[in-house]
Amino acid sequence: MTVTAPTTAPSVHVRAAITWLAIFPMVALGMTLMAPFTATWPPALRALALTAVVVPSAVYVVVPRLMAAHQRITHRHN
């Protein structure tokens, strides 16, 4: 059995940066891919459709993976 030292959560600033790194490319790509199909939609409906995909994807898939990668990188350098 391997004993590891407890890890501390990243600061709120690091979490915000990681979340932005997840959200920005997803929104940019989503806007680009949706543009041909939603050009005539009202802006609020476009935002609703985009965030219905981006937010759950970011919360459940992308951000946790980026946080794990951040932990591996910072743990290796300590």
PDB file of N, CA and C in Angstrom:
ATOM      1  N   MET A   1       0.848  -1.178   0.000  1.00  0.00           N
ATOM      2  CA  MET A   1       0.000   0.000   0.000  1.00  0.00           C
ATOM      3  C   MET A   1       0.892   1.238   0.000  1.00  0.00           C
ATOM      4  N   THR A   2       0.571   2.169  -0.869  1.00  0.00           N
ATOM      5  CA  THR A   2       1.323   3.403  -0.967  1.00  0.00           C
ATOM      6  C   THR A   2       0.594   4.503  -0.222  1.00  0.00           C
ATOM      7  N   VAL A   3       1.314   5.215   0.607  1.00  0.00           N
ATOM      8  CA  VAL A   3       0.724   6.328   1.339  1.00  0.00           C
ATOM      9  C   VAL A   3       1.150   7.607   0.647  1.00  0.00           C
ATOM     10  N   THR A   4       0.160   8.438   0.317  1.00  0.00           N
ATOM     11  CA  THR A   4       0.471   9.715  -0.320  1.00  0.00           C
ATOM     12  C   THR A   4       0.085  10.843   0.609  1.00  0.00           C
ATOM     13  N   ALA A   5       0.787  11.926   0.477  1.00  0.00           N
ATOM     14  CA  ALA A   5       0.488  13.097   1.290  1.00  0.00           C
ATOM     15  C   ALA A   5      -0.833  13.707   0.824  1.00  0.00           C
ATOM     16  N   PRO A   6      -1.617  14.226   1.755  1.00  0.00           N
ATOM     17  CA  PRO A   6      -2.870  14.867   1.341  1.00  0.00           C
ATOM     18  C   PRO A   6      -2.571  16.071   0.461  1.00  0.00           C
ATOM     19  N   THR A   7      -3.424  16.272  -0.510  1.00  0.00           N
ATOM     20  CA  THR A   7      -3.233  17.411  -1.405  1.00  0.00           C
ATOM     21  C   THR A   7      -4.218  18.502  -1.040  1.00  0.00           C
ATOM     22  N   THR A   8      -3.825  19.722  -1.274  1.00  0.00           N
ATOM     23  CA  THR A   8      -4.720  20.841  -1.034  1.00  0.00           C
ATOM     24  C   THR A   8      -5.375  21.236  -2.350  1.00  0.00           C
ATOM     25  N   ALA A   9      -6.551  21.772  -2.258  1.00  0.00           N
ATOM     26  CA  ALA A   9      -7.262  22.227  -3.444  1.00  0.00           C
ATOM     27  C   ALA A   9      -6.547  23.442  -4.023  1.00  0.00           C
ATOM     28  N   PRO A  10      -6.576  23.564  -5.345  1.00  0.00           N
ATOM     29  CA  PRO A  10      -5.976  24.756  -5.948  1.00  0.00           C
ATOM     30  C   PRO A  10      -6.710  26.016  -5.481  1.00  0.00           C
ATOM     31  N   SER A  11      -6.029  27.127  -5.546  1.00  0.00           N
ATOM     32  CA  SER A  11      -6.649  28.390  -5.137  1.00  0.00           C
ATOM     33  C   SER A  11      -7.828  28.714  -6.050  1.00  0.00           C
ATOM     34  N   VAL A  12      -8.663  29.611  -5.597  1.00  0.00           N
ATOM     35  CA  VAL A  12      -9.816  30.025  -6.394  1.00  0.00           C
ATOM     36  C   VAL A  12      -9.354  30.630  -7.722  1.00  0.00           C
ATOM     37  N   HIS A  13      -8.192  31.272  -7.729  1.00  0.00           N
ATOM     38  CA  HIS A  13      -7.679  31.884  -8.950  1.00  0.00           C
ATOM     39  C   HIS A  13      -7.261  30.817  -9.961  1.00  0.00           C
ATOM     40  N   VAL A  14      -6.632  29.760  -9.482  1.00  0.00           N
ATOM     41  CA  VAL A  14      -6.229  28.656 -10.360  1.00  0.00           C
ATOM     42  C   VAL A  14      -7.478  27.954 -10.892  1.00  0.00           C
ATOM     43  N   ARG A  15      -8.446  27.728 -10.030  1.00  0.00           N
ATOM     44  CA  ARG A  15      -9.690  27.081 -10.487  1.00  0.00           C
ATOM     45  C   ARG A  15     -10.399  27.935 -11.528  1.00  0.00           C
ATOM     46  N   ALA A  16     -10.406  29.246 -11.327  1.00  0.00           N
ATOM     47  CA  ALA A  16     -11.040  30.146 -12.304  1.00  0.00           C
ATOM     48  C   ALA A  16     -10.305  30.089 -13.642  1.00  0.00           C
ATOM     49  N   ALA A  17      -8.981  30.091 -13.605  1.00  0.00           N
ATOM     50  CA  ALA A  17      -8.202  30.025 -14.843  1.00  0.00           C
ATOM     51  C   ALA A  17      -8.427  28.695 -15.567  1.00  0.00           C
ATOM     52  N   ILE A  18      -8.455  27.611 -14.821  1.00  0.00           N
ATOM     53  CA  ILE A  18      -8.682  26.296 -15.431  1.00  0.00           C
ATOM     54  C   ILE A  18     -10.085  26.227 -16.026  1.00  0.00           C
ATOM     55  N   THR A  19     -11.058  26.762 -15.318  1.00  0.00           N
ATOM     56  CA  THR A  19     -12.423  26.770 -15.844  1.00  0.00           C
ATOM     57  C   THR A  19     -12.498  27.596 -17.117  1.00  0.00           C
ATOM     58  N   TRP A  20     -11.856  28.744 -17.137  1.00  0.00           N
ATOM     59  CA  TRP A  20     -11.842  29.577 -18.347  1.00  0.00           C
ATOM     60  C   TRP A  20     -11.155  28.841 -19.493  1.00  0.00           C
ATOM     61  N   LEU A  21     -10.051  28.150 -19.199  1.00  0.00           N
ATOM     62  CA  LEU A  21      -9.358  27.382 -20.238  1.00  0.00           C
ATOM     63  C   LEU A  21     -10.235  26.272 -20.808  1.00  0.00           C
ATOM     64  N   ALA A  22     -11.165  25.781 -20.029  1.00  0.00           N
ATOM     65  CA  ALA A  22     -12.104  24.768 -20.516  1.00  0.00           C
ATOM     66  C   ALA A  22     -13.238  25.411 -21.313  1.00  0.00           C
ATOM     67  N   ILE A  23     -13.812  26.467 -20.767  1.00  0.00           N
ATOM     68  CA  ILE A  23     -15.018  27.061 -21.342  1.00  0.00           C
ATOM     69  C   ILE A  23     -14.749  27.820 -22.640  1.00  0.00           C
ATOM     70  N   PHE A  24     -13.712  28.643 -22.677  1.00  0.00           N
ATOM     71  CA  PHE A  24     -13.497  29.500 -23.851  1.00  0.00           C
ATOM     72  C   PHE A  24     -13.399  28.718 -25.153  1.00  0.00           C
ATOM     73  N   PRO A  25     -12.540  27.695 -25.248  1.00  0.00           N
ATOM     74  CA  PRO A  25     -12.474  26.980 -26.527  1.00  0.00           C
ATOM     75  C   PRO A  25     -13.781  26.261 -26.868  1.00  0.00           C
ATOM     76  N   MET A  26     -14.474  25.760 -25.848  1.00  0.00           N
ATOM     77  CA  MET A  26     -15.739  25.078 -26.116  1.00  0.00           C
ATOM     78  C   MET A  26     -16.783  26.056 -26.654  1.00  0.00           C
ATOM     79  N   VAL A  27     -16.841  27.245 -26.095  1.00  0.00           N
ATOM     80  CA  VAL A  27     -17.790  28.252 -26.568  1.00  0.00           C
ATOM     81  C   VAL A  27     -17.408  28.722 -27.968  1.00  0.00           C
ATOM     82  N   ALA A  28     -16.128  28.986 -28.189  1.00  0.00           N
ATOM     83  CA  ALA A  28     -15.691  29.444 -29.515  1.00  0.00           C
ATOM     84  C   ALA A  28     -16.004  28.401 -30.583  1.00  0.00           C
ATOM     85  N   LEU A  29     -15.699  27.147 -30.295  1.00  0.00           N
ATOM     86  CA  LEU A  29     -15.980  26.082 -31.249  1.00  0.00           C
ATOM     87  C   LEU A  29     -17.493  25.895 -31.421  1.00  0.00           C
ATOM     88  N   GLY A  30     -18.218  25.917 -30.316  1.00  0.00           N
ATOM     89  CA  GLY A  30     -19.672  25.769 -30.386  1.00  0.00           C
ATOM     90  C   GLY A  30     -20.328  26.864 -31.196  1.00  0.00           C
ATOM     91  N   MET A  31     -19.902  28.110 -31.000  1.00  0.00           N
ATOM     92  CA  MET A  31     -20.460  29.218 -31.769  1.00  0.00           C
ATOM     93  C   MET A  31     -20.186  29.039 -33.257  1.00  0.00           C
ATOM     94  N   THR A  32     -18.977  28.606 -33.565  1.00  0.00           N
ATOM     95  CA  THR A  32     -18.599  28.412 -34.965  1.00  0.00           C
ATOM     96  C   THR A  32     -19.418  27.297 -35.608  1.00  0.00           C
ATOM     97  N   LEU A  33     -19.563  26.190 -34.891  1.00  0.00           N
ATOM     98  CA  LEU A  33     -20.304  25.055 -35.442  1.00  0.00           C
ATOM     99  C   LEU A  33     -21.807  25.326 -35.532  1.00  0.00           C
ATOM    100  N   MET A  34     -22.336  26.092 -34.593  1.00  0.00           N
ATOM    101  CA  MET A  34     -23.769  26.370 -34.576  1.00  0.00           C
ATOM    102  C   MET A  34     -24.186  27.476 -35.538  1.00  0.00           C
ATOM    103  N   ALA A  35     -23.271  28.341 -35.902  1.00  0.00           N
ATOM    104  CA  ALA A  35     -23.602  29.538 -36.682  1.00  0.00           C
ATOM    105  C   ALA A  35     -24.457  29.254 -37.923  1.00  0.00           C
ATOM    106  N   PRO A  36     -24.095  28.260 -38.737  1.00  0.00           N
ATOM    107  CA  PRO A  36     -24.912  28.053 -39.946  1.00  0.00           C
ATOM    108  C   PRO A  36     -26.356  27.629 -39.647  1.00  0.00           C
ATOM    109  N   PHE A  37     -26.589  26.990 -38.511  1.00  0.00           N
ATOM    110  CA  PHE A  37     -27.915  26.464 -38.194  1.00  0.00           C
ATOM    111  C   PHE A  37     -28.756  27.418 -37.359  1.00  0.00           C
ATOM    112  N   THR A  38     -28.093  28.338 -36.657  1.00  0.00           N
ATOM    113  CA  THR A  38     -28.819  29.182 -35.703  1.00  0.00           C
ATOM    114  C   THR A  38     -28.747  30.662 -36.039  1.00  0.00           C
ATOM    115  N   ALA A  39     -28.342  31.000 -37.237  1.00  0.00           N
ATOM    116  CA  ALA A  39     -28.157  32.408 -37.609  1.00  0.00           C
ATOM    117  C   ALA A  39     -29.436  33.228 -37.441  1.00  0.00           C
ATOM    118  N   THR A  40     -30.572  32.627 -37.655  1.00  0.00           N
ATOM    119  CA  THR A  40     -31.836  33.371 -37.565  1.00  0.00           C
ATOM    120  C   THR A  40     -32.462  33.298 -36.176  1.00  0.00           C
ATOM    121  N   TRP A  41     -31.877  32.544 -35.266  1.00  0.00           N
ATOM    122  CA  TRP A  41     -32.424  32.406 -33.913  1.00  0.00           C
ATOM    123  C   TRP A  41     -32.166  33.683 -33.115  1.00  0.00           C
ATOM    124  N   PRO A  42     -33.028  33.990 -32.176  1.00  0.00           N
ATOM    125  CA  PRO A  42     -32.740  35.114 -31.271  1.00  0.00           C
ATOM    126  C   PRO A  42     -31.482  34.792 -30.440  1.00  0.00           C
ATOM    127  N   PRO A  43     -30.706  35.808 -30.091  1.00  0.00           N
ATOM    128  CA  PRO A  43     -29.470  35.571 -29.336  1.00  0.00           C
ATOM    129  C   PRO A  43     -29.673  34.763 -28.052  1.00  0.00           C
ATOM    130  N   ALA A  44     -30.753  35.001 -27.330  1.00  0.00           N
ATOM    131  CA  ALA A  44     -30.977  34.272 -26.077  1.00  0.00           C
ATOM    132  C   ALA A  44     -31.183  32.776 -26.341  1.00  0.00           C
ATOM    133  N   LEU A  45     -31.841  32.429 -27.424  1.00  0.00           N
ATOM    134  CA  LEU A  45     -32.047  31.028 -27.767  1.00  0.00           C
ATOM    135  C   LEU A  45     -30.732  30.374 -28.194  1.00  0.00           C
ATOM    136  N   ARG A  46     -29.906  31.107 -28.935  1.00  0.00           N
ATOM    137  CA  ARG A  46     -28.579  30.580 -29.303  1.00  0.00           C
ATOM    138  C   ARG A  46     -27.747  30.333 -28.054  1.00  0.00           C
ATOM    139  N   ALA A  47     -27.783  31.292 -27.123  1.00  0.00           N
ATOM    140  CA  ALA A  47     -27.030  31.135 -25.869  1.00  0.00           C
ATOM    141  C   ALA A  47     -27.555  29.956 -25.061  1.00  0.00           C
ATOM    142  N   LEU A  48     -28.867  29.784 -25.021  1.00  0.00           N
ATOM    143  CA  LEU A  48     -29.463  28.661 -24.299  1.00  0.00           C
ATOM    144  C   LEU A  48     -28.999  27.332 -24.891  1.00  0.00           C
ATOM    145  N   ALA A  49     -29.052  27.204 -26.210  1.00  0.00           N
ATOM    146  CA  ALA A  49     -28.640  25.959 -26.857  1.00  0.00           C
ATOM    147  C   ALA A  49     -27.155  25.683 -26.632  1.00  0.00           C
ATOM    148  N   LEU A  50     -26.340  26.713 -26.767  1.00  0.00           N
ATOM    149  CA  LEU A  50     -24.897  26.537 -26.596  1.00  0.00           C
ATOM    150  C   LEU A  50     -24.552  26.160 -25.158  1.00  0.00           C
ATOM    151  N   THR A  51     -25.115  26.871 -24.201  1.00  0.00           N
ATOM    152  CA  THR A  51     -24.774  26.585 -22.805  1.00  0.00           C
ATOM    153  C   THR A  51     -25.357  25.262 -22.330  1.00  0.00           C
ATOM    154  N   ALA A  52     -26.437  24.801 -22.969  1.00  0.00           N
ATOM    155  CA  ALA A  52     -26.998  23.497 -22.610  1.00  0.00           C
ATOM    156  C   ALA A  52     -26.013  22.367 -22.903  1.00  0.00           C
ATOM    157  N   VAL A  53     -25.117  22.595 -23.835  1.00  0.00           N
ATOM    158  CA  VAL A  53     -24.092  21.591 -24.173  1.00  0.00           C
ATOM    159  C   VAL A  53     -22.782  21.889 -23.451  1.00  0.00           C
ATOM    160  N   VAL A  54     -22.362  23.142 -23.480  1.00  0.00           N
ATOM    161  CA  VAL A  54     -21.042  23.515 -22.955  1.00  0.00           C
ATOM    162  C   VAL A  54     -20.945  23.343 -21.438  1.00  0.00           C
ATOM    163  N   VAL A  55     -21.932  23.805 -20.698  1.00  0.00           N
ATOM    164  CA  VAL A  55     -21.828  23.779 -19.229  1.00  0.00           C
ATOM    165  C   VAL A  55     -21.733  22.349 -18.689  1.00  0.00           C
ATOM    166  N   PRO A  56     -22.644  21.441 -19.046  1.00  0.00           N
ATOM    167  CA  PRO A  56     -22.489  20.085 -18.523  1.00  0.00           C
ATOM    168  C   PRO A  56     -21.195  19.408 -18.988  1.00  0.00           C
ATOM    169  N   SER A  57     -20.814  19.638 -20.237  1.00  0.00           N
ATOM    170  CA  SER A  57     -19.563  19.048 -20.742  1.00  0.00           C
ATOM    171  C   SER A  57     -18.367  19.545 -19.955  1.00  0.00           C
ATOM    172  N   ALA A  58     -18.361  20.843 -19.676  1.00  0.00           N
ATOM    173  CA  ALA A  58     -17.250  21.418 -18.923  1.00  0.00           C
ATOM    174  C   ALA A  58     -17.244  20.912 -17.483  1.00  0.00           C
ATOM    175  N   VAL A  59     -18.397  20.922 -16.839  1.00  0.00           N
ATOM    176  CA  VAL A  59     -18.477  20.561 -15.417  1.00  0.00           C
ATOM    177  C   VAL A  59     -18.152  19.094 -15.178  1.00  0.00           C
ATOM    178  N   TYR A  60     -18.669  18.217 -16.030  1.00  0.00           N
ATOM    179  CA  TYR A  60     -18.534  16.782 -15.776  1.00  0.00           C
ATOM    180  C   TYR A  60     -17.365  16.117 -16.487  1.00  0.00           C
ATOM    181  N   VAL A  61     -16.820  16.751 -17.525  1.00  0.00           N
ATOM    182  CA  VAL A  61     -15.758  16.094 -18.289  1.00  0.00           C
ATOM    183  C   VAL A  61     -14.482  16.928 -18.350  1.00  0.00           C
ATOM    184  N   VAL A  62     -14.556  18.120 -18.916  1.00  0.00           N
ATOM    185  CA  VAL A  62     -13.347  18.878 -19.251  1.00  0.00           C
ATOM    186  C   VAL A  62     -12.648  19.440 -18.018  1.00  0.00           C
ATOM    187  N   VAL A  63     -13.369  20.145 -17.163  1.00  0.00           N
ATOM    188  CA  VAL A  63     -12.732  20.755 -15.985  1.00  0.00           C
ATOM    189  C   VAL A  63     -12.115  19.700 -15.064  1.00  0.00           C
ATOM    190  N   PRO A  64     -12.811  18.596 -14.754  1.00  0.00           N
ATOM    191  CA  PRO A  64     -12.153  17.593 -13.906  1.00  0.00           C
ATOM    192  C   PRO A  64     -10.852  17.048 -14.509  1.00  0.00           C
ATOM    193  N   ARG A  65     -10.832  16.873 -15.810  1.00  0.00           N
ATOM    194  CA  ARG A  65      -9.593  16.387 -16.443  1.00  0.00           C
ATOM    195  C   ARG A  65      -8.489  17.430 -16.395  1.00  0.00           C
ATOM    196  N   LEU A  66      -8.839  18.682 -16.602  1.00  0.00           N
ATOM    197  CA  LEU A  66      -7.828  19.742 -16.501  1.00  0.00           C
ATOM    198  C   LEU A  66      -7.327  19.895 -15.064  1.00  0.00           C
ATOM    199  N   MET A  67      -8.230  19.754 -14.094  1.00  0.00           N
ATOM    200  CA  MET A  67      -7.814  19.836 -12.688  1.00  0.00           C
ATOM    201  C   MET A  67      -6.875  18.684 -12.345  1.00  0.00           C
ATOM    202  N   ALA A  68      -7.173  17.487 -12.835  1.00  0.00           N
ATOM    203  CA  ALA A  68      -6.302  16.337 -12.583  1.00  0.00           C
ATOM    204  C   ALA A  68      -4.937  16.557 -13.239  1.00  0.00           C
ATOM    205  N   ALA A  69      -4.930  17.089 -14.449  1.00  0.00           N
ATOM    206  CA  ALA A  69      -3.659  17.369 -15.122  1.00  0.00           C
ATOM    207  C   ALA A  69      -2.869  18.422 -14.351  1.00  0.00           C
ATOM    208  N   HIS A  70      -3.565  19.439 -13.871  1.00  0.00           N
ATOM    209  CA  HIS A  70      -2.898  20.478 -13.074  1.00  0.00           C
ATOM    210  C   HIS A  70      -2.278  19.874 -11.820  1.00  0.00           C
ATOM    211  N   GLN A  71      -3.017  18.992 -11.167  1.00  0.00           N
ATOM    212  CA  GLN A  71      -2.500  18.356  -9.952  1.00  0.00           C
ATOM    213  C   GLN A  71      -1.262  17.509 -10.268  1.00  0.00           C
ATOM    214  N   ARG A  72      -1.321  16.733 -11.362  1.00  0.00           N
ATOM    215  CA  ARG A  72      -0.161  15.916 -11.733  1.00  0.00           C
ATOM    216  C   ARG A  72       1.056  16.783 -12.016  1.00  0.00           C
ATOM    217  N   ILE A  73       0.847  17.879 -12.712  1.00  0.00           N
ATOM    218  CA  ILE A  73       1.971  18.769 -13.061  1.00  0.00           C
ATOM    219  C   ILE A  73       2.534  19.426 -11.816  1.00  0.00           C
ATOM    220  N   THR A  74       1.671  19.971 -10.955  1.00  0.00           N
ATOM    221  CA  THR A  74       2.177  20.671  -9.768  1.00  0.00           C
ATOM    222  C   THR A  74       2.734  19.681  -8.738  1.00  0.00           C
ATOM    223  N   HIS A  75       2.174  18.499  -8.646  1.00  0.00           N
ATOM    224  CA  HIS A  75       2.667  17.489  -7.708  1.00  0.00           C
ATOM    225  C   HIS A  75       4.063  17.025  -8.116  1.00  0.00           C
ATOM    226  N   ARG A  76       4.290  16.903  -9.404  1.00  0.00           N
ATOM    227  CA  ARG A  76       5.582  16.459  -9.915  1.00  0.00           C
ATOM    228  C   ARG A  76       6.687  17.472  -9.618  1.00  0.00           C
ATOM    229  N   HIS A  77       6.326  18.753  -9.580  1.00  0.00           N
ATOM    230  CA  HIS A  77       7.331  19.795  -9.383  1.00  0.00           C
ATOM    231  C   HIS A  77       7.555  20.141  -7.908  1.00  0.00           C
ATOM    232  N   ASN A  78       6.824  19.539  -7.020  1.00  0.00           N
ATOM    233  CA  ASN A  78       7.021  19.827  -5.576  1.00  0.00           C
ATOM    234  C   ASN A  78       7.975  18.842  -4.958  1.00  0.00           C
TER     235      ASN A  78
END
